[in-house]
Structures are given as structure tokens and as C-alpha cells.
Protein backbone atom coordinates (compact mmCIF):
# COMPACT_ATOMS: atom_id res chain seq x y z
CA UNK A 1 -26.70 15.26 -10.99
CA UNK A 2 -28.93 12.28 -11.33
CA UNK A 3 -28.35 9.00 -9.55
CA UNK A 4 -27.16 7.32 -12.74
CA UNK A 5 -24.51 9.99 -13.36
CA UNK A 6 -23.35 9.88 -9.73
CA UNK A 7 -22.91 6.13 -9.94
CA UNK A 8 -20.94 6.45 -13.20
CA UNK A 9 -18.67 9.15 -11.73
CA UNK A 10 -18.12 7.07 -8.59
CA UNK A 11 -17.17 4.06 -10.72
CA UNK A 12 -14.72 6.17 -12.76
CA UNK A 13 -13.01 7.47 -9.60
CA UNK A 14 -12.86 3.95 -8.18
CA UNK A 15 -11.16 2.68 -11.34
CA UNK A 16 -8.69 5.60 -11.39
CA UNK A 17 -7.86 5.01 -7.73
CA UNK A 18 -7.11 1.35 -8.44
CA UNK A 19 -5.19 1.80 -11.70
CA UNK A 20 -3.14 4.79 -10.49
CA UNK A 21 -2.51 3.25 -7.05
CA UNK A 22 -3.91 6.24 -5.17
CA UNK A 23 -5.05 6.51 -1.60
CA UNK A 24 -8.08 8.46 -0.39
CA UNK A 25 -6.00 11.53 0.48
CA UNK A 26 -4.49 11.75 -3.01
CA UNK A 27 -7.91 11.28 -4.65
CA UNK A 28 -9.21 14.16 -2.53
CA UNK A 29 -6.29 16.33 -3.69
CA UNK A 30 -7.00 15.47 -7.32
CA UNK A 31 -10.66 16.41 -6.92
CA UNK A 32 -9.71 19.70 -5.26
CA UNK A 33 -7.35 20.44 -8.16
CA UNK A 34 -10.23 19.86 -10.58
CA UNK A 35 -8.74 16.80 -12.24
CA UNK A 36 -10.99 14.10 -13.59
CA UNK A 37 -10.41 10.35 -13.43
CA UNK A 38 -9.82 10.00 -17.18
CA UNK A 39 -6.96 12.50 -17.10
CA UNK A 40 -5.33 10.58 -14.25
CA UNK A 41 -5.54 7.30 -16.14
CA UNK A 42 -4.12 8.96 -19.26
CA UNK A 43 -1.10 10.13 -17.26
CA UNK A 44 -0.03 6.70 -16.00
CA UNK A 45 3.60 6.40 -17.13
CA UNK A 46 4.53 3.65 -19.54
CA UNK A 47 7.72 1.63 -18.98
CA UNK A 48 9.40 3.54 -21.81
CA UNK A 49 8.51 6.86 -20.15
CA UNK A 50 11.11 6.83 -17.40
CA UNK A 51 11.03 10.62 -17.17
CA UNK A 52 7.37 10.64 -16.18
CA UNK A 53 6.50 10.59 -12.47
CA UNK A 54 3.94 8.24 -10.97
CA UNK A 55 0.47 9.79 -10.83
CA UNK A 56 0.36 10.11 -7.04
CA UNK A 57 3.60 12.14 -7.00
CA UNK A 58 2.40 14.27 -9.89
CA UNK A 59 -0.80 15.12 -8.01
CA UNK A 60 1.04 15.87 -4.78
CA UNK A 61 3.47 18.24 -6.49
CA UNK A 62 0.68 20.13 -8.25
CA UNK A 63 -1.21 20.38 -4.96
CA UNK A 64 1.81 21.76 -3.13
CA UNK A 65 2.46 24.29 -5.90
CA UNK A 66 -1.11 25.55 -5.94
CA UNK A 67 -2.00 25.49 -2.26
CA UNK A 68 1.40 25.53 -0.58
CA UNK A 69 0.27 23.01 2.01
CA UNK A 70 2.87 20.61 3.24
CA UNK A 71 1.88 17.00 2.88
CA UNK A 72 1.92 14.66 5.87
CA UNK A 73 3.99 11.87 4.33
CA UNK A 74 7.74 12.00 4.61
CA UNK A 75 10.26 11.87 1.78
CA UNK A 76 11.35 8.42 2.93
CA UNK A 77 7.86 7.08 2.37
CA UNK A 78 7.71 8.62 -1.12
CA UNK A 79 11.11 7.19 -2.07
CA UNK A 80 10.10 3.77 -0.76
CA UNK A 81 6.85 3.88 -2.77
CA UNK A 82 8.71 4.87 -5.93
CA UNK A 83 11.13 1.98 -5.55
CA UNK A 84 8.29 -0.49 -4.95
CA UNK A 85 6.31 0.70 -7.97
CA UNK A 86 9.11 0.12 -10.45
């Protein structure tokens, strides 16, 4: 990959991290799952889409299903984050 493409990809991930409210750990999980930043941005739930989970929870669930690793954060933290995001 050339320097120009690397910079573009870095910028896309930076924007997805900001818009989806992700932390570094969740971004790493998304990359390991093979997701790209555009797909994450497309999956941001709209206010009328109450059934849709926030992107960080969606990534974590897919990661747990595929790799079976338990994630360090507790359920209390996830519930608190969900309440604060809505």
C-alpha cells in the first residue's frame, strides 16, 4: 500500500471511530473481523431504528460469536453506555 492509501485508510478509521463512538479495543476487534470503516458508519442506528444496537455492541457480539473470547468490560458498563448514548 502506498503512503497516500495508508493515510486515506487511517483517516477513514479515525472518522468511523469518532462517529460510531468506538474505543481502540473495539476498533481492533472490527479490524480483526474484517470490517471496514464505511460498513461501520452505515450501521449507525437512526432514532427510528430502536431495534438496532449501537455499533460498539454489534461489533462486540460478533467478536464473541466468532472467537469466543470473553470481553473485559462488565455488563454494568455496557448498560451504562447504552443509557448514556440514547
